[in-house]
Amino acid sequence: MRAAVIVFPGSNCDRDLAVALEAATGLETQMVWHKDATLPDGLDLIAIPGGFSFGDYLRSGAIAARSPIMRAVVDFAARGGPVLGICNGFQVLIEAGLLPGALMRNAGLKFVCRDVHLTVETNQSLFTNGLSKGDVLRVPVAHHDGNFVAPDALVKSLRDSDRIAFTYQDNPNGSVADIAGILSENRRVLGMMPHPERLCDPAHGGQDGKRLFDAMVGSLQAV
């Protein structure tokens, strides 16, 4: 299974994400610079990492979403290619129109960096079907603009269509309905604010994040 990580100026979790994917896949992760216009051939997964792409100078993820490589990512997703966005990557996916809603400043207007507990709300996706609905994962967060906001109608649609992937048990940012991660309409794009790549090795103090990567890779290898 071949995975690629998109790298923007200001990305700071790209290497961590690549290491997590390499541990799960057993293969080298391709690093793709944002100015590239095309993706490597034969990819099975694209991952967009956390960080502060372009310094968040305009709006988190807004400039990165207009990078040349994102046209190829959008095309990849339109063909059903799996795309994972973590933290700033989630923001980029929303700004690129691949996921709905918006990510605003945290309710407390402060940067939040700590572990949170996530409830798995669905295992009906290639990202989560190796987990069980109701599982609880301990995963770090590190963001200033992670407050997921959406009108009531969208929240209802996400809930009714089983597209809420994760919710916070201890909401750190004020996200509506405690939403921590959502799926696209075709369930092939996942955006989440917490950082599973930061809890994939015993040296990190836990391996709950590894469970997500192993589940995701197992699903893709079975296809």
Protein backbone atom coordinates (compact mmCIF):
# COMPACT_ATOMS: atom_id res chain seq x y z
CA MET A 1 0.00 0.00 0.00
CA ARG A 2 1.55 3.28 -1.14
CA ALA A 3 0.87 6.48 0.80
CA ALA A 4 1.92 10.09 0.24
CA VAL A 5 2.11 13.05 2.60
CA ILE A 6 1.59 16.54 1.18
CA VAL A 7 4.10 19.09 2.54
CA PHE A 8 3.40 22.83 2.73
CA PRO A 9 5.56 25.66 4.05
CA GLY A 10 4.81 25.57 7.77
CA SER A 11 3.91 21.89 7.99
CA ASN A 12 5.38 20.56 11.22
CA CYS A 13 3.87 17.09 11.52
CA ASP A 14 4.70 15.80 8.04
CA ARG A 15 7.60 13.61 9.19
CA ASP A 16 5.68 12.24 12.16
CA LEU A 17 2.81 11.33 9.86
CA ALA A 18 5.16 9.69 7.35
CA VAL A 19 6.77 7.61 10.11
CA ALA A 20 3.35 6.47 11.37
CA LEU A 21 2.29 5.47 7.86
CA GLU A 22 5.57 3.67 7.18
CA ALA A 23 5.20 1.68 10.41
CA ALA A 24 1.68 0.64 9.39
CA THR A 25 2.38 -0.08 5.72
CA GLY A 26 5.95 -1.34 5.84
CA LEU A 27 6.74 0.87 2.84
CA GLU A 28 8.38 4.25 2.41
CA THR A 29 5.95 7.15 2.40
CA GLN A 30 6.22 9.56 -0.54
CA MET A 31 6.71 13.21 0.44
CA VAL A 32 5.03 15.55 -2.08
CA TRP A 33 5.85 19.27 -2.17
CA HIS A 34 2.91 21.64 -2.44
CA LYS A 35 4.16 23.23 -5.67
CA ASP A 36 4.11 19.93 -7.53
CA ALA A 37 1.27 19.74 -10.03
CA THR A 38 0.93 15.95 -10.10
CA LEU A 39 0.89 13.10 -7.64
CA PRO A 40 3.14 10.02 -7.79
CA ASP A 41 1.61 7.11 -9.68
CA GLY A 42 -0.03 4.22 -7.90
CA LEU A 43 -0.98 5.93 -4.66
CA ASP A 44 -3.50 4.25 -2.35
CA LEU A 45 -3.76 7.07 0.22
CA ILE A 46 -3.00 10.78 0.49
CA ALA A 47 -2.44 12.32 3.91
CA ILE A 48 -2.34 16.03 4.72
CA PRO A 49 -0.46 16.76 7.94
CA GLY A 50 -0.83 19.18 10.79
CA GLY A 51 1.14 22.35 11.23
CA PHE A 52 0.64 25.95 10.27
CA SER A 53 0.62 25.94 6.48
CA PHE A 54 1.73 29.34 5.22
CA GLY A 55 1.74 30.50 8.84
CA ASP A 56 -2.08 30.59 8.93
CA TYR A 57 -1.64 34.22 7.84
CA LEU A 58 -4.89 34.48 5.92
CA ARG A 59 -7.09 31.81 7.45
CA SER A 60 -6.06 28.35 8.61
CA GLY A 61 -5.66 26.15 5.54
CA ALA A 62 -6.97 28.76 3.10
CA ILE A 63 -3.69 29.41 1.24
CA ALA A 64 -2.64 25.77 1.25
CA ALA A 65 -5.96 24.79 -0.32
CA ARG A 66 -4.97 26.89 -3.37
CA SER A 67 -1.56 25.25 -3.81
CA PRO A 68 -1.01 23.53 -7.17
CA ILE A 69 -0.92 20.03 -5.67
CA MET A 70 -4.41 20.44 -4.20
CA ARG A 71 -5.97 20.33 -7.65
CA ALA A 72 -4.51 16.85 -8.01
CA VAL A 73 -5.67 15.92 -4.50
CA VAL A 74 -9.22 17.05 -5.28
CA ASP A 75 -9.16 15.01 -8.49
CA PHE A 76 -7.82 12.00 -6.58
CA ALA A 77 -10.65 12.30 -4.06
CA ALA A 78 -13.24 12.71 -6.84
CA ARG A 79 -12.10 9.36 -8.24
CA GLY A 80 -12.70 7.76 -4.85
CA GLY A 81 -9.11 7.94 -3.63
CA PRO A 82 -8.82 7.94 0.19
CA VAL A 83 -7.64 11.19 1.75
CA LEU A 84 -6.80 11.78 5.42
CA GLY A 85 -6.40 15.28 6.87
CA ILE A 86 -5.13 15.81 10.42
CA CYS A 87 -5.42 19.13 12.30
CA ASN A 88 -4.24 21.73 9.75
CA GLY A 89 -4.89 19.02 7.17
CA PHE A 90 -8.54 18.97 8.28
CA GLN A 91 -8.64 22.74 7.81
CA VAL A 92 -7.13 22.39 4.33
CA LEU A 93 -9.72 19.77 3.34
CA ILE A 94 -12.56 22.07 4.40
CA GLU A 95 -11.04 25.05 2.58
CA ALA A 96 -10.63 22.87 -0.54
CA GLY A 97 -14.31 21.91 -0.44
CA LEU A 98 -13.68 18.23 0.27
CA LEU A 99 -15.43 18.41 3.65
CA PRO A 100 -18.26 20.64 4.94
CA GLY A 101 -18.42 23.03 7.87
CA ALA A 102 -15.75 25.39 9.17
CA LEU A 103 -13.00 25.36 11.78
CA MET A 104 -12.88 28.52 13.85
CA ARG A 105 -10.89 29.77 16.83
CA ASN A 106 -11.21 27.67 19.96
CA ALA A 107 -14.03 28.77 22.24
CA GLY A 108 -11.51 29.77 24.92
CA LEU A 109 -9.45 31.74 22.34
CA LYS A 110 -6.32 29.90 23.47
CA PHE A 111 -4.03 27.33 21.90
CA VAL A 112 -4.86 23.91 23.35
CA CYS A 113 -2.17 21.22 23.61
CA ARG A 114 -3.08 18.13 25.65
CA ASP A 115 -4.42 14.62 25.41
CA VAL A 116 -8.14 14.17 24.83
CA HIS A 117 -10.38 11.12 24.73
CA LEU A 118 -12.21 10.34 21.50
CA THR A 119 -15.24 8.13 21.05
CA VAL A 120 -15.39 6.19 17.80
CA GLU A 121 -18.84 7.08 16.43
CA THR A 122 -18.77 4.84 13.35
CA ASN A 123 -16.77 1.91 12.07
CA GLN A 124 -18.45 2.09 8.67
CA SER A 125 -15.50 3.63 6.86
CA LEU A 126 -12.18 2.39 5.57
CA PHE A 127 -10.48 4.58 8.20
CA THR A 128 -12.31 3.09 11.19
CA ASN A 129 -13.70 -0.33 10.31
CA GLY A 130 -10.93 -2.07 12.24
CA LEU A 131 -12.24 -0.32 15.35
CA SER A 132 -15.53 -0.77 17.18
CA LYS A 133 -18.23 1.84 17.57
CA GLY A 134 -17.95 3.19 21.09
CA ASP A 135 -14.21 2.53 21.41
CA VAL A 136 -12.37 5.27 23.29
CA LEU A 137 -8.97 6.47 22.07
CA ARG A 138 -6.55 8.76 23.89
CA VAL A 139 -5.07 11.11 21.29
CA PRO A 140 -3.24 14.45 21.60
CA VAL A 141 -4.60 17.74 20.26
CA ALA A 142 -2.55 20.85 19.46
CA HIS A 143 -4.51 23.65 17.82
CA HIS A 144 -5.83 27.19 18.11
CA ASP A 145 -8.50 26.95 15.41
CA GLY A 146 -10.14 23.57 15.99
CA ASN A 147 -13.66 24.67 16.86
CA PHE A 148 -15.83 22.83 14.32
CA VAL A 149 -18.89 24.94 13.51
CA ALA A 150 -21.82 24.03 11.30
CA PRO A 151 -25.51 24.91 11.04
CA ASP A 152 -27.99 22.62 12.74
CA ALA A 153 -29.10 21.18 9.41
CA LEU A 154 -25.55 20.10 8.54
CA VAL A 155 -24.97 18.57 11.96
CA LYS A 156 -28.22 16.62 11.58
CA SER A 157 -27.18 15.50 8.09
CA LEU A 158 -23.79 14.34 9.37
CA ARG A 159 -25.43 12.46 12.21
CA ASP A 160 -28.21 10.93 10.09
CA SER A 161 -25.75 9.77 7.43
CA ASP A 162 -23.34 8.33 10.02
CA ARG A 163 -20.55 10.67 8.91
CA ILE A 164 -19.37 11.78 12.35
CA ALA A 165 -16.23 9.70 12.77
CA PHE A 166 -15.12 10.82 16.23
CA THR A 167 -16.44 12.93 19.08
CA TYR A 168 -14.65 14.41 22.07
CA GLN A 169 -15.46 13.10 25.50
CA ASP A 170 -13.82 16.20 26.94
CA ASN A 171 -14.38 18.87 24.28
CA PRO A 172 -11.27 21.12 24.29
CA ASN A 173 -12.39 23.74 21.77
CA GLY A 174 -16.17 24.17 21.79
CA SER A 175 -16.87 22.15 18.64
CA VAL A 176 -20.57 21.75 17.91
CA ALA A 177 -21.92 18.35 18.98
CA ASP A 178 -18.42 17.55 20.33
CA ILE A 179 -17.32 16.72 16.78
CA ALA A 180 -13.64 15.78 16.43
CA GLY A 181 -13.67 14.22 12.97
CA ILE A 182 -16.01 13.85 10.00
CA LEU A 183 -16.29 11.88 6.76
CA SER A 184 -17.12 13.03 3.24
CA GLU A 185 -20.34 11.98 1.52
CA ASN A 186 -18.60 9.04 -0.16
CA ARG A 187 -16.89 8.18 3.17
CA ARG A 188 -13.47 8.21 1.48
CA VAL A 189 -12.21 11.48 3.00
CA LEU A 190 -11.61 11.84 6.75
CA GLY A 191 -10.75 15.07 8.52
CA MET A 192 -9.89 15.08 12.22
CA MET A 193 -8.35 17.62 14.59
CA PRO A 194 -6.54 15.28 17.02
CA HIS A 195 -3.09 13.90 16.13
CA PRO A 196 -3.03 10.07 16.10
CA GLU A 197 0.49 10.14 14.63
CA ARG A 198 1.74 11.53 17.93
CA LEU A 199 0.72 8.43 19.87
CA CYS A 200 1.96 5.53 17.76
CA ASP A 201 4.98 4.31 19.70
CA PRO A 202 5.43 3.13 23.31
CA ALA A 203 8.07 5.85 23.69
CA HIS A 204 5.28 8.40 23.12
CA GLY A 205 3.44 7.12 26.18
CA GLY A 206 0.81 5.09 24.35
CA GLN A 207 -0.25 3.54 21.06
CA ASP A 208 -3.90 4.49 20.63
CA GLY A 209 -3.02 6.40 17.46
CA LYS A 210 -1.41 3.28 16.01
CA ARG A 211 -4.76 1.52 16.27
CA LEU A 212 -6.24 4.00 13.81
CA PHE A 213 -3.39 3.68 11.29
CA ASP A 214 -3.40 -0.11 11.53
CA ALA A 215 -7.18 -0.19 11.00
CA MET A 216 -6.96 2.14 8.03
CA VAL A 217 -4.09 0.30 6.34
CA GLY A 218 -5.75 -3.06 6.97
CA SER A 219 -8.89 -1.80 5.22
CA LEU A 220 -6.98 -0.48 2.21
CA GLN A 221 -4.91 -3.64 1.85
CA ALA A 222 -8.08 -5.73 1.88
CA VAL A 223 -9.64 -3.81 -1.02
